[in-house]
Amino acid sequence: MTPIQSKPSILFLCVHNAGRSQMAAAFARYLAGDRVVVYSAGTQPGERLNPAVVEAMLERGIDISNESPQALTTAMGLDSDVIITMGCGDACPVYPGKRYLDWALSDPANKSLNEVRAIRDEIEQRVSTILSDLLGTQ
């Protein structure tokens, strides 16, 4: 954690911020509440969230329909303890001294709802694991 923060912070980062990183951020907020600071961004943000992603999250009782893709800012990167990248490869900048994880997950773009559900479920499990690590819970 940065010295000015009392809570761990996570940045979920992908290219368009329209699917994977939005689901991950929503799960982190849902599962951890105010115990973590959550950022979600893209290196080249899309215009809107993937409708299948919104629907898949609603099935879990999490409404992200009012969210919109956000551009990565330097402040997000510098303020984050853990930066989790999802498919942006070299397009994701590197902030020295940060803990990085790269989650190899399928991009939900142009996928069926059933395929998006599988991606959602994998993200939920990974978010639960990282939160347990950061918060010292099981």
N, C-alpha and C. Protein backbone atom coordinates (compact mmCIF):
# COMPACT_ATOMS: atom_id res chain seq x y z
N MET A 1 0.83 -1.18 0.00
CA MET A 1 0.00 0.00 0.00
C MET A 1 0.87 1.24 0.00
N THR A 2 0.44 2.25 -0.68
CA THR A 2 1.17 3.50 -0.67
C THR A 2 1.03 4.15 0.70
N PRO A 3 2.00 4.94 1.11
CA PRO A 3 1.98 5.50 2.47
C PRO A 3 0.73 6.32 2.78
N ILE A 4 0.13 6.97 1.79
CA ILE A 4 -1.03 7.82 2.07
C ILE A 4 -2.35 7.04 2.07
N GLN A 5 -2.30 5.79 1.68
CA GLN A 5 -3.50 4.98 1.64
C GLN A 5 -3.48 3.96 2.76
N SER A 6 -4.65 3.73 3.34
CA SER A 6 -4.75 2.71 4.37
C SER A 6 -5.34 1.42 3.80
N LYS A 7 -5.81 1.48 2.56
CA LYS A 7 -6.42 0.32 1.91
C LYS A 7 -5.58 -0.08 0.71
N PRO A 8 -5.54 -1.38 0.42
CA PRO A 8 -4.86 -1.79 -0.81
C PRO A 8 -5.64 -1.30 -2.03
N SER A 9 -4.93 -1.09 -3.13
CA SER A 9 -5.58 -0.62 -4.35
C SER A 9 -5.19 -1.52 -5.52
N ILE A 10 -6.19 -1.73 -6.39
CA ILE A 10 -6.02 -2.61 -7.55
C ILE A 10 -6.45 -1.85 -8.79
N LEU A 11 -5.66 -1.97 -9.84
CA LEU A 11 -6.02 -1.45 -11.16
C LEU A 11 -6.22 -2.64 -12.09
N PHE A 12 -7.42 -2.75 -12.64
CA PHE A 12 -7.72 -3.76 -13.65
C PHE A 12 -7.62 -3.06 -15.00
N LEU A 13 -6.70 -3.55 -15.85
CA LEU A 13 -6.35 -2.84 -17.06
C LEU A 13 -6.43 -3.74 -18.28
N CYS A 14 -7.16 -3.28 -19.30
CA CYS A 14 -7.19 -3.98 -20.59
C CYS A 14 -7.19 -2.92 -21.69
N VAL A 15 -7.43 -3.32 -22.91
CA VAL A 15 -7.36 -2.37 -24.02
C VAL A 15 -8.60 -1.47 -24.05
N HIS A 16 -9.79 -2.07 -24.17
CA HIS A 16 -11.00 -1.29 -24.39
C HIS A 16 -11.78 -0.95 -23.13
N ASN A 17 -11.49 -1.61 -22.02
CA ASN A 17 -12.21 -1.39 -20.76
C ASN A 17 -13.71 -1.53 -20.95
N ALA A 18 -14.08 -2.52 -21.75
CA ALA A 18 -15.49 -2.73 -22.06
C ALA A 18 -15.98 -4.11 -21.64
N GLY A 19 -15.10 -4.94 -21.08
CA GLY A 19 -15.48 -6.30 -20.74
C GLY A 19 -14.76 -6.83 -19.53
N ARG A 20 -13.60 -7.44 -19.75
CA ARG A 20 -12.87 -8.13 -18.68
C ARG A 20 -12.54 -7.23 -17.49
N SER A 21 -11.95 -6.09 -17.74
CA SER A 21 -11.55 -5.22 -16.63
C SER A 21 -12.76 -4.65 -15.91
N GLN A 22 -13.85 -4.44 -16.62
CA GLN A 22 -15.08 -3.95 -15.98
C GLN A 22 -15.68 -5.04 -15.08
N MET A 23 -15.68 -6.29 -15.56
CA MET A 23 -16.19 -7.37 -14.72
C MET A 23 -15.33 -7.55 -13.48
N ALA A 24 -14.01 -7.52 -13.66
CA ALA A 24 -13.10 -7.70 -12.53
C ALA A 24 -13.29 -6.59 -11.48
N ALA A 25 -13.39 -5.36 -11.94
CA ALA A 25 -13.59 -4.24 -11.01
C ALA A 25 -14.92 -4.38 -10.27
N ALA A 26 -15.96 -4.76 -10.99
CA ALA A 26 -17.27 -4.92 -10.36
C ALA A 26 -17.25 -6.02 -9.31
N PHE A 27 -16.60 -7.14 -9.61
CA PHE A 27 -16.49 -8.21 -8.61
C PHE A 27 -15.67 -7.75 -7.41
N ALA A 28 -14.59 -7.02 -7.64
CA ALA A 28 -13.76 -6.54 -6.53
C ALA A 28 -14.56 -5.62 -5.62
N ARG A 29 -15.33 -4.72 -6.21
CA ARG A 29 -16.15 -3.81 -5.40
C ARG A 29 -17.24 -4.59 -4.65
N TYR A 30 -17.84 -5.54 -5.32
CA TYR A 30 -18.92 -6.33 -4.73
C TYR A 30 -18.41 -7.20 -3.58
N LEU A 31 -17.28 -7.86 -3.80
CA LEU A 31 -16.75 -8.80 -2.81
C LEU A 31 -16.03 -8.13 -1.65
N ALA A 32 -15.35 -7.01 -1.93
CA ALA A 32 -14.54 -6.37 -0.89
C ALA A 32 -15.17 -5.12 -0.30
N GLY A 33 -16.18 -4.60 -0.96
CA GLY A 33 -16.79 -3.38 -0.45
C GLY A 33 -15.78 -2.25 -0.39
N ASP A 34 -15.76 -1.55 0.74
CA ASP A 34 -14.86 -0.41 0.86
C ASP A 34 -13.49 -0.78 1.44
N ARG A 35 -13.18 -2.06 1.47
CA ARG A 35 -11.87 -2.49 2.00
C ARG A 35 -10.74 -2.36 0.99
N VAL A 36 -11.08 -2.12 -0.28
CA VAL A 36 -10.07 -1.91 -1.31
C VAL A 36 -10.47 -0.72 -2.18
N VAL A 37 -9.46 -0.11 -2.77
CA VAL A 37 -9.68 0.93 -3.77
C VAL A 37 -9.55 0.23 -5.12
N VAL A 38 -10.55 0.41 -5.98
CA VAL A 38 -10.58 -0.29 -7.26
C VAL A 38 -10.58 0.70 -8.41
N TYR A 39 -9.67 0.49 -9.35
CA TYR A 39 -9.63 1.25 -10.59
C TYR A 39 -9.84 0.28 -11.75
N SER A 40 -10.45 0.77 -12.81
CA SER A 40 -10.65 -0.01 -14.02
C SER A 40 -10.43 0.93 -15.19
N ALA A 41 -9.59 0.52 -16.14
CA ALA A 41 -9.26 1.42 -17.24
C ALA A 41 -8.82 0.64 -18.46
N GLY A 42 -8.75 1.38 -19.57
CA GLY A 42 -8.27 0.81 -20.82
C GLY A 42 -7.23 1.71 -21.45
N THR A 43 -6.36 1.10 -22.23
CA THR A 43 -5.34 1.89 -22.93
C THR A 43 -5.94 2.57 -24.16
N GLN A 44 -7.01 1.98 -24.71
CA GLN A 44 -7.75 2.56 -25.84
C GLN A 44 -9.23 2.31 -25.57
N PRO A 45 -9.84 3.05 -24.64
CA PRO A 45 -11.20 2.73 -24.21
C PRO A 45 -12.22 2.72 -25.35
N GLY A 46 -13.12 1.75 -25.27
CA GLY A 46 -14.20 1.65 -26.24
C GLY A 46 -15.27 2.70 -25.97
N GLU A 47 -16.32 2.63 -26.76
CA GLU A 47 -17.41 3.60 -26.61
C GLU A 47 -18.40 3.20 -25.53
N ARG A 48 -18.59 1.88 -25.35
CA ARG A 48 -19.57 1.41 -24.37
C ARG A 48 -19.21 0.01 -23.93
N LEU A 49 -19.83 -0.42 -22.83
CA LEU A 49 -19.60 -1.78 -22.35
C LEU A 49 -20.23 -2.79 -23.30
N ASN A 50 -19.63 -3.95 -23.34
CA ASN A 50 -20.16 -5.07 -24.11
C ASN A 50 -21.50 -5.47 -23.50
N PRO A 51 -22.60 -5.45 -24.27
CA PRO A 51 -23.92 -5.78 -23.72
C PRO A 51 -23.99 -7.18 -23.11
N ALA A 52 -23.27 -8.16 -23.66
CA ALA A 52 -23.27 -9.50 -23.09
C ALA A 52 -22.58 -9.52 -21.72
N VAL A 53 -21.59 -8.67 -21.54
CA VAL A 53 -20.91 -8.55 -20.24
C VAL A 53 -21.89 -7.98 -19.21
N VAL A 54 -22.60 -6.94 -19.59
CA VAL A 54 -23.59 -6.34 -18.69
C VAL A 54 -24.63 -7.38 -18.28
N GLU A 55 -25.13 -8.14 -19.25
CA GLU A 55 -26.14 -9.17 -18.98
C GLU A 55 -25.59 -10.27 -18.08
N ALA A 56 -24.38 -10.72 -18.37
CA ALA A 56 -23.77 -11.78 -17.55
C ALA A 56 -23.57 -11.33 -16.11
N MET A 57 -23.20 -10.09 -15.90
CA MET A 57 -23.01 -9.57 -14.55
C MET A 57 -24.35 -9.41 -13.83
N LEU A 58 -25.39 -9.02 -14.56
CA LEU A 58 -26.72 -8.93 -13.95
C LEU A 58 -27.18 -10.28 -13.42
N GLU A 59 -26.77 -11.35 -14.10
CA GLU A 59 -27.11 -12.70 -13.62
C GLU A 59 -26.50 -12.98 -12.25
N ARG A 60 -25.44 -12.28 -11.91
CA ARG A 60 -24.79 -12.41 -10.60
C ARG A 60 -25.30 -11.36 -9.61
N GLY A 61 -26.28 -10.56 -10.05
CA GLY A 61 -26.84 -9.53 -9.19
C GLY A 61 -26.00 -8.27 -9.13
N ILE A 62 -25.11 -8.08 -10.10
CA ILE A 62 -24.25 -6.90 -10.14
C ILE A 62 -24.58 -6.11 -11.40
N ASP A 63 -25.07 -4.89 -11.19
CA ASP A 63 -25.49 -4.04 -12.31
C ASP A 63 -24.37 -3.08 -12.69
N ILE A 64 -23.79 -3.29 -13.85
CA ILE A 64 -22.74 -2.40 -14.34
C ILE A 64 -23.22 -1.60 -15.55
N SER A 65 -24.52 -1.55 -15.75
CA SER A 65 -25.07 -0.89 -16.93
C SER A 65 -24.79 0.60 -16.98
N ASN A 66 -24.53 1.22 -15.85
CA ASN A 66 -24.22 2.66 -15.83
C ASN A 66 -22.74 2.96 -15.91
N GLU A 67 -21.91 1.92 -15.99
CA GLU A 67 -20.46 2.12 -16.11
C GLU A 67 -20.13 2.46 -17.57
N SER A 68 -18.99 3.06 -17.77
CA SER A 68 -18.53 3.33 -19.13
C SER A 68 -17.01 3.15 -19.17
N PRO A 69 -16.49 2.81 -20.35
CA PRO A 69 -15.05 2.64 -20.47
C PRO A 69 -14.31 3.91 -20.07
N GLN A 70 -13.22 3.73 -19.35
CA GLN A 70 -12.41 4.84 -18.87
C GLN A 70 -10.99 4.72 -19.41
N ALA A 71 -10.39 5.86 -19.68
CA ALA A 71 -9.00 5.89 -20.13
C ALA A 71 -8.07 5.77 -18.93
N LEU A 72 -7.01 5.03 -19.11
CA LEU A 72 -5.97 4.92 -18.09
C LEU A 72 -5.34 6.28 -17.86
N THR A 73 -5.14 6.62 -16.60
CA THR A 73 -4.40 7.84 -16.25
C THR A 73 -3.14 7.43 -15.49
N THR A 74 -2.15 8.29 -15.53
CA THR A 74 -0.92 8.04 -14.79
C THR A 74 -1.22 7.91 -13.30
N ALA A 75 -2.15 8.73 -12.80
CA ALA A 75 -2.50 8.68 -11.38
C ALA A 75 -3.02 7.31 -10.99
N MET A 76 -3.85 6.69 -11.83
CA MET A 76 -4.35 5.35 -11.53
C MET A 76 -3.19 4.37 -11.36
N GLY A 77 -2.26 4.42 -12.29
CA GLY A 77 -1.11 3.52 -12.23
C GLY A 77 -0.25 3.76 -11.00
N LEU A 78 0.01 5.02 -10.71
CA LEU A 78 0.87 5.35 -9.57
C LEU A 78 0.19 5.06 -8.24
N ASP A 79 -1.12 5.19 -8.18
CA ASP A 79 -1.86 4.98 -6.93
C ASP A 79 -2.15 3.50 -6.64
N SER A 80 -1.91 2.63 -7.59
CA SER A 80 -2.27 1.22 -7.44
C SER A 80 -1.14 0.40 -6.85
N ASP A 81 -1.51 -0.50 -5.93
CA ASP A 81 -0.54 -1.44 -5.37
C ASP A 81 -0.34 -2.62 -6.30
N VAL A 82 -1.45 -3.07 -6.90
CA VAL A 82 -1.43 -4.22 -7.81
C VAL A 82 -2.06 -3.78 -9.12
N ILE A 83 -1.39 -4.09 -10.22
CA ILE A 83 -1.92 -3.79 -11.55
C ILE A 83 -2.12 -5.12 -12.26
N ILE A 84 -3.37 -5.37 -12.61
CA ILE A 84 -3.72 -6.64 -13.26
C ILE A 84 -4.07 -6.33 -14.71
N THR A 85 -3.23 -6.85 -15.61
CA THR A 85 -3.45 -6.62 -17.04
C THR A 85 -4.19 -7.81 -17.63
N MET A 86 -4.96 -7.52 -18.66
CA MET A 86 -5.78 -8.54 -19.31
C MET A 86 -5.75 -8.32 -20.82
N GLY A 87 -4.74 -8.84 -21.45
CA GLY A 87 -4.71 -8.84 -22.90
C GLY A 87 -4.20 -7.58 -23.56
N CYS A 88 -3.58 -6.68 -22.83
CA CYS A 88 -3.10 -5.47 -23.51
C CYS A 88 -1.63 -5.54 -23.88
N GLY A 89 -0.94 -6.56 -23.44
CA GLY A 89 0.45 -6.77 -23.85
C GLY A 89 1.31 -5.53 -23.73
N ASP A 90 2.00 -5.18 -24.81
CA ASP A 90 2.90 -4.04 -24.81
C ASP A 90 2.17 -2.71 -24.74
N ALA A 91 0.86 -2.69 -24.96
CA ALA A 91 0.09 -1.44 -24.89
C ALA A 91 -0.08 -0.98 -23.44
N CYS A 92 0.13 -1.89 -22.49
CA CYS A 92 0.02 -1.52 -21.07
C CYS A 92 1.33 -0.92 -20.59
N PRO A 93 1.28 0.29 -20.05
CA PRO A 93 2.52 0.88 -19.53
C PRO A 93 2.98 0.18 -18.26
N VAL A 94 4.24 0.38 -17.94
CA VAL A 94 4.82 -0.22 -16.74
C VAL A 94 5.14 0.91 -15.76
N TYR A 95 4.65 0.75 -14.55
CA TYR A 95 4.94 1.71 -13.48
C TYR A 95 5.90 1.01 -12.52
N PRO A 96 7.11 1.52 -12.38
CA PRO A 96 8.12 0.88 -11.52
C PRO A 96 7.63 0.71 -10.08
N GLY A 97 8.01 -0.40 -9.50
CA GLY A 97 7.70 -0.66 -8.10
C GLY A 97 6.32 -1.22 -7.84
N LYS A 98 5.57 -1.49 -8.87
CA LYS A 98 4.21 -2.02 -8.71
C LYS A 98 4.22 -3.53 -8.89
N ARG A 99 3.31 -4.18 -8.22
CA ARG A 99 3.13 -5.62 -8.40
C ARG A 99 2.22 -5.83 -9.61
N TYR A 100 2.69 -6.62 -10.56
CA TYR A 100 1.93 -6.88 -11.78
C TYR A 100 1.49 -8.33 -11.85
N LEU A 101 0.27 -8.53 -12.31
CA LEU A 101 -0.24 -9.85 -12.66
C LEU A 101 -0.83 -9.74 -14.05
N ASP A 102 -0.59 -10.72 -14.90
CA ASP A 102 -1.20 -10.73 -16.22
C ASP A 102 -2.16 -11.91 -16.27
N TRP A 103 -3.42 -11.60 -16.41
CA TRP A 103 -4.45 -12.63 -16.48
C TRP A 103 -4.74 -12.93 -17.95
N ALA A 104 -4.37 -14.12 -18.39
CA ALA A 104 -4.65 -14.55 -19.75
C ALA A 104 -6.10 -15.02 -19.81
N LEU A 105 -6.96 -14.13 -20.25
CA LEU A 105 -8.39 -14.41 -20.34
C LEU A 105 -8.88 -14.10 -21.74
N SER A 106 -9.82 -14.88 -22.23
CA SER A 106 -10.41 -14.59 -23.54
C SER A 106 -11.10 -13.24 -23.51
N ASP A 107 -11.04 -12.55 -24.63
CA ASP A 107 -11.74 -11.28 -24.78
C ASP A 107 -13.21 -11.58 -25.05
N PRO A 108 -14.13 -11.01 -24.27
CA PRO A 108 -15.55 -11.31 -24.48
C PRO A 108 -16.16 -10.64 -25.72
N ALA A 109 -15.41 -9.81 -26.41
CA ALA A 109 -15.94 -9.16 -27.62
C ALA A 109 -16.36 -10.22 -28.63
N ASN A 110 -17.54 -10.03 -29.18
CA ASN A 110 -18.10 -10.91 -30.22
C ASN A 110 -18.30 -12.36 -29.75
N LYS A 111 -18.41 -12.56 -28.44
CA LYS A 111 -18.64 -13.91 -27.90
C LYS A 111 -20.12 -14.03 -27.53
N SER A 112 -20.61 -15.28 -27.51
CA SER A 112 -21.99 -15.54 -27.11
C SER A 112 -22.11 -15.34 -25.59
N LEU A 113 -23.34 -15.22 -25.13
CA LEU A 113 -23.56 -15.05 -23.69
C LEU A 113 -22.99 -16.23 -22.91
N ASN A 114 -23.13 -17.44 -23.43
CA ASN A 114 -22.56 -18.61 -22.73
C ASN A 114 -21.04 -18.51 -22.62
N GLU A 115 -20.39 -18.05 -23.67
CA GLU A 115 -18.94 -17.88 -23.63
C GLU A 115 -18.55 -16.78 -22.65
N VAL A 116 -19.33 -15.71 -22.61
CA VAL A 116 -19.06 -14.61 -21.67
C VAL A 116 -19.25 -15.08 -20.24
N ARG A 117 -20.23 -15.93 -20.01
CA ARG A 117 -20.45 -16.47 -18.66
C ARG A 117 -19.20 -17.21 -18.16
N ALA A 118 -18.59 -17.99 -19.03
CA ALA A 118 -17.39 -18.73 -18.63
C ALA A 118 -16.25 -17.77 -18.28
N ILE A 119 -16.09 -16.71 -19.07
CA ILE A 119 -15.07 -15.71 -18.78
C ILE A 119 -15.40 -15.02 -17.45
N ARG A 120 -16.65 -14.66 -17.25
CA ARG A 120 -17.09 -14.03 -16.01
C ARG A 120 -16.77 -14.90 -14.80
N ASP A 121 -17.06 -16.17 -14.91
CA ASP A 121 -16.83 -17.08 -13.78
C ASP A 121 -15.34 -17.21 -13.46
N GLU A 122 -14.50 -17.22 -14.48
CA GLU A 122 -13.05 -17.28 -14.28
C GLU A 122 -12.58 -15.99 -13.61
N ILE A 123 -13.08 -14.86 -14.05
CA ILE A 123 -12.71 -13.58 -13.45
C ILE A 123 -13.14 -13.53 -11.99
N GLU A 124 -14.35 -13.98 -11.70
CA GLU A 124 -14.84 -13.96 -10.32
C GLU A 124 -13.91 -14.77 -9.41
N GLN A 125 -13.48 -15.94 -9.87
CA GLN A 125 -12.60 -16.78 -9.07
C GLN A 125 -11.25 -16.10 -8.86
N ARG A 126 -10.70 -15.50 -9.91
CA ARG A 126 -9.40 -14.84 -9.80
C ARG A 126 -9.47 -13.61 -8.90
N VAL A 127 -10.55 -12.85 -9.00
CA VAL A 127 -10.72 -11.68 -8.14
C VAL A 127 -10.83 -12.12 -6.68
N SER A 128 -11.57 -13.17 -6.42
CA SER A 128 -11.70 -13.69 -5.06
C SER A 128 -10.33 -14.07 -4.50
N THR A 129 -9.52 -14.70 -5.32
CA THR A 129 -8.18 -15.12 -4.88
C THR A 129 -7.29 -13.92 -4.59
N ILE A 130 -7.27 -12.93 -5.46
CA ILE A 130 -6.41 -11.76 -5.22
C ILE A 130 -6.89 -10.97 -4.01
N LEU A 131 -8.19 -10.90 -3.80
CA LEU A 131 -8.70 -10.19 -2.63
C LEU A 131 -8.31 -10.92 -1.35
N SER A 132 -8.36 -12.24 -1.37
CA SER A 132 -7.93 -13.01 -0.20
C SER A 132 -6.47 -12.73 0.12
N ASP A 133 -5.67 -12.64 -0.94
CA ASP A 133 -4.25 -12.36 -0.77
C ASP A 133 -4.04 -10.96 -0.20
N LEU A 134 -4.69 -9.98 -0.77
CA LEU A 134 -4.51 -8.59 -0.34
C LEU A 134 -5.08 -8.30 1.04
N LEU A 135 -6.21 -8.94 1.34
CA LEU A 135 -6.90 -8.64 2.59
C LEU A 135 -6.61 -9.64 3.69
N GLY A 136 -5.89 -10.71 3.35
CA GLY A 136 -5.54 -11.71 4.35
C GLY A 136 -6.72 -12.52 4.83
N THR A 137 -7.68 -12.75 3.93
CA THR A 137 -8.87 -13.54 4.27
C THR A 137 -8.96 -14.74 3.37
N GLN A 138 -9.90 -15.62 3.70
CA GLN A 138 -10.10 -16.79 2.84
C GLN A 138 -11.51 -16.87 2.38
